[in-house]
Amino acid sequence: MAGLAHLEFDEPGLEKMAAEMTKILSYIDQLAEVDVSGVAAPAVAPTPMRDDVPRPSVARELVGAQCAGLE
């Protein structure tokens, strides 16, 4: 998993991370065992979304000029 996330650990750090991940996964397993059959889902209003309106993209020359000024 560390490789997929592009993280590097020394051996003690890797062992600590593995132990922490084991705790997290064990906790998730415990949550999956909880009986929630009598619990109603919360009534949540949907998140308002803005209309998806196409807009012109930023000119590459302007972005390049701005980035060159940061160096």
N, C-alpha and C. Protein backbone atom coordinates (compact mmCIF):
# COMPACT_ATOMS: atom_id res chain seq x y z
N MET A 1 0.82 -1.18 0.00
CA MET A 1 0.00 0.00 0.00
C MET A 1 0.87 1.26 0.00
N ALA A 2 1.97 1.21 0.73
CA ALA A 2 2.87 2.36 0.77
C ALA A 2 3.41 2.67 -0.62
N GLY A 3 3.70 1.64 -1.39
CA GLY A 3 4.20 1.83 -2.74
C GLY A 3 3.17 2.52 -3.63
N LEU A 4 1.90 2.12 -3.48
CA LEU A 4 0.85 2.76 -4.27
C LEU A 4 0.69 4.23 -3.92
N ALA A 5 0.93 4.56 -2.65
CA ALA A 5 0.80 5.95 -2.20
C ALA A 5 2.11 6.73 -2.36
N HIS A 6 3.12 6.07 -2.92
CA HIS A 6 4.44 6.68 -3.12
C HIS A 6 5.03 7.16 -1.79
N LEU A 7 4.91 6.31 -0.76
CA LEU A 7 5.48 6.59 0.55
C LEU A 7 6.66 5.65 0.78
N GLU A 8 7.66 6.15 1.48
CA GLU A 8 8.81 5.32 1.81
C GLU A 8 8.96 5.28 3.33
N PHE A 9 9.19 4.09 3.87
CA PHE A 9 9.38 3.91 5.29
C PHE A 9 10.64 3.10 5.54
N ASP A 10 11.30 3.38 6.65
CA ASP A 10 12.36 2.47 7.07
C ASP A 10 11.67 1.27 7.72
N GLU A 11 12.42 0.25 8.09
CA GLU A 11 11.82 -0.98 8.61
C GLU A 11 10.97 -0.74 9.86
N PRO A 12 11.45 0.01 10.86
CA PRO A 12 10.60 0.26 12.04
C PRO A 12 9.33 1.06 11.68
N GLY A 13 9.47 2.01 10.78
CA GLY A 13 8.31 2.79 10.36
C GLY A 13 7.29 1.94 9.62
N LEU A 14 7.78 1.03 8.79
CA LEU A 14 6.90 0.14 8.05
C LEU A 14 6.14 -0.79 8.99
N GLU A 15 6.85 -1.29 10.01
CA GLU A 15 6.20 -2.16 11.00
C GLU A 15 5.14 -1.39 11.78
N LYS A 16 5.43 -0.15 12.14
CA LYS A 16 4.47 0.66 12.87
C LYS A 16 3.25 0.94 12.00
N MET A 17 3.46 1.29 10.74
CA MET A 17 2.36 1.57 9.83
C MET A 17 1.50 0.32 9.62
N ALA A 18 2.13 -0.83 9.49
CA ALA A 18 1.39 -2.08 9.31
C ALA A 18 0.52 -2.37 10.54
N ALA A 19 1.06 -2.11 11.72
CA ALA A 19 0.29 -2.34 12.95
C ALA A 19 -0.90 -1.38 13.02
N GLU A 20 -0.69 -0.14 12.64
CA GLU A 20 -1.78 0.84 12.65
C GLU A 20 -2.87 0.45 11.64
N MET A 21 -2.46 0.01 10.46
CA MET A 21 -3.44 -0.40 9.45
C MET A 21 -4.23 -1.62 9.93
N THR A 22 -3.56 -2.53 10.62
CA THR A 22 -4.25 -3.71 11.16
C THR A 22 -5.31 -3.27 12.17
N LYS A 23 -4.98 -2.30 13.03
CA LYS A 23 -5.96 -1.78 14.00
C LYS A 23 -7.16 -1.16 13.29
N ILE A 24 -6.89 -0.38 12.26
CA ILE A 24 -7.97 0.29 11.52
C ILE A 24 -8.88 -0.75 10.85
N LEU A 25 -8.28 -1.74 10.20
CA LEU A 25 -9.08 -2.76 9.53
C LEU A 25 -9.86 -3.60 10.52
N SER A 26 -9.30 -3.87 11.69
CA SER A 26 -10.01 -4.60 12.74
C SER A 26 -11.21 -3.80 13.22
N TYR A 27 -11.04 -2.50 13.37
CA TYR A 27 -12.13 -1.64 13.80
C TYR A 27 -13.24 -1.62 12.75
N ILE A 28 -12.88 -1.58 11.48
CA ILE A 28 -13.87 -1.62 10.41
C ILE A 28 -14.64 -2.94 10.46
N ASP A 29 -13.96 -4.04 10.73
CA ASP A 29 -14.63 -5.33 10.87
C ASP A 29 -15.62 -5.30 12.03
N GLN A 30 -15.24 -4.66 13.14
CA GLN A 30 -16.15 -4.55 14.29
C GLN A 30 -17.39 -3.75 13.91
N LEU A 31 -17.22 -2.68 13.19
CA LEU A 31 -18.36 -1.85 12.78
C LEU A 31 -19.30 -2.61 11.87
N ALA A 32 -18.75 -3.48 11.03
CA ALA A 32 -19.58 -4.25 10.11
C ALA A 32 -20.48 -5.23 10.85
N GLU A 33 -20.11 -5.60 12.08
CA GLU A 33 -20.88 -6.56 12.86
C GLU A 33 -22.03 -5.90 13.62
N VAL A 34 -22.08 -4.59 13.69
CA VAL A 34 -23.12 -3.89 14.45
C VAL A 34 -24.46 -4.03 13.75
N ASP A 35 -25.49 -4.40 14.53
CA ASP A 35 -26.84 -4.55 13.98
C ASP A 35 -27.49 -3.17 13.91
N VAL A 36 -27.72 -2.68 12.71
CA VAL A 36 -28.35 -1.38 12.51
C VAL A 36 -29.71 -1.53 11.82
N SER A 37 -30.28 -2.73 11.89
CA SER A 37 -31.54 -2.98 11.18
C SER A 37 -32.69 -2.11 11.69
N GLY A 38 -32.68 -1.70 12.96
CA GLY A 38 -33.76 -0.88 13.49
C GLY A 38 -33.48 0.61 13.44
N VAL A 39 -32.39 1.00 12.84
CA VAL A 39 -32.01 2.41 12.80
C VAL A 39 -32.38 2.99 11.43
N ALA A 40 -33.13 4.08 11.47
CA ALA A 40 -33.52 4.72 10.21
C ALA A 40 -32.37 5.56 9.68
N ALA A 41 -32.27 5.62 8.39
CA ALA A 41 -31.23 6.45 7.76
C ALA A 41 -31.57 7.92 8.02
N PRO A 42 -30.57 8.75 8.25
CA PRO A 42 -30.84 10.17 8.51
C PRO A 42 -31.42 10.85 7.27
N ALA A 43 -32.33 11.76 7.52
CA ALA A 43 -32.90 12.53 6.41
C ALA A 43 -31.96 13.69 6.12
N VAL A 44 -31.21 13.57 5.06
CA VAL A 44 -30.23 14.59 4.70
C VAL A 44 -30.63 15.20 3.37
N ALA A 45 -30.67 16.52 3.35
CA ALA A 45 -30.98 17.21 2.10
C ALA A 45 -29.82 17.04 1.13
N PRO A 46 -30.10 16.88 -0.15
CA PRO A 46 -29.00 16.74 -1.11
C PRO A 46 -28.17 18.02 -1.19
N THR A 47 -26.92 17.84 -1.47
CA THR A 47 -26.02 18.98 -1.62
C THR A 47 -26.37 19.73 -2.90
N PRO A 48 -26.59 21.03 -2.79
CA PRO A 48 -26.92 21.77 -4.02
C PRO A 48 -25.72 21.79 -4.96
N MET A 49 -25.99 21.61 -6.21
CA MET A 49 -24.92 21.59 -7.20
C MET A 49 -25.15 22.74 -8.17
N ARG A 50 -24.07 23.34 -8.61
CA ARG A 50 -24.20 24.40 -9.60
C ARG A 50 -24.35 23.77 -10.98
N ASP A 51 -24.92 24.51 -11.89
CA ASP A 51 -25.04 24.02 -13.26
C ASP A 51 -23.65 23.86 -13.86
N ASP A 52 -23.47 22.82 -14.63
CA ASP A 52 -22.19 22.57 -15.30
C ASP A 52 -22.20 23.35 -16.61
N VAL A 53 -21.55 24.51 -16.57
CA VAL A 53 -21.54 25.39 -17.73
C VAL A 53 -20.13 25.42 -18.32
N PRO A 54 -19.98 25.06 -19.59
CA PRO A 54 -18.64 25.09 -20.20
C PRO A 54 -18.10 26.52 -20.23
N ARG A 55 -16.80 26.64 -19.95
CA ARG A 55 -16.13 27.93 -20.01
C ARG A 55 -14.84 27.77 -20.79
N PRO A 56 -14.36 28.84 -21.36
CA PRO A 56 -13.09 28.73 -22.09
C PRO A 56 -11.94 28.44 -21.11
N SER A 57 -10.95 27.71 -21.58
CA SER A 57 -9.81 27.39 -20.74
C SER A 57 -8.86 28.58 -20.63
N VAL A 58 -7.92 28.47 -19.72
CA VAL A 58 -6.93 29.52 -19.51
C VAL A 58 -5.88 29.43 -20.61
N ALA A 59 -5.43 30.55 -21.09
CA ALA A 59 -4.41 30.59 -22.14
C ALA A 59 -3.09 30.03 -21.62
N ARG A 60 -2.52 29.09 -22.31
CA ARG A 60 -1.25 28.48 -21.89
C ARG A 60 -0.13 29.50 -21.75
N GLU A 61 -0.12 30.49 -22.62
CA GLU A 61 0.94 31.50 -22.58
C GLU A 61 0.90 32.27 -21.26
N LEU A 62 -0.30 32.58 -20.79
CA LEU A 62 -0.42 33.31 -19.53
C LEU A 62 0.05 32.46 -18.34
N VAL A 63 -0.31 31.20 -18.35
CA VAL A 63 0.11 30.29 -17.28
C VAL A 63 1.63 30.15 -17.30
N GLY A 64 2.19 29.96 -18.47
CA GLY A 64 3.65 29.84 -18.59
C GLY A 64 4.35 31.08 -18.10
N ALA A 65 3.80 32.26 -18.40
CA ALA A 65 4.42 33.52 -17.96
C ALA A 65 4.35 33.65 -16.45
N GLN A 66 3.22 33.26 -15.86
CA GLN A 66 3.07 33.32 -14.40
C GLN A 66 4.03 32.35 -13.71
N CYS A 67 4.16 31.16 -14.25
CA CYS A 67 5.04 30.15 -13.65
C CYS A 67 6.51 30.56 -13.78
N ALA A 68 6.86 31.20 -14.88
CA ALA A 68 8.24 31.62 -15.08
C ALA A 68 8.61 32.69 -14.05
N GLY A 69 7.65 33.50 -13.65
CA GLY A 69 7.91 34.54 -12.66
C GLY A 69 8.09 34.01 -11.25
N LEU A 70 7.72 32.76 -11.00
CA LEU A 70 7.85 32.16 -9.67
C LEU A 70 9.23 31.57 -9.42
N GLU A 71 9.99 31.37 -10.45
CA GLU A 71 11.31 30.71 -10.32
C GLU A 71 12.34 31.62 -9.73
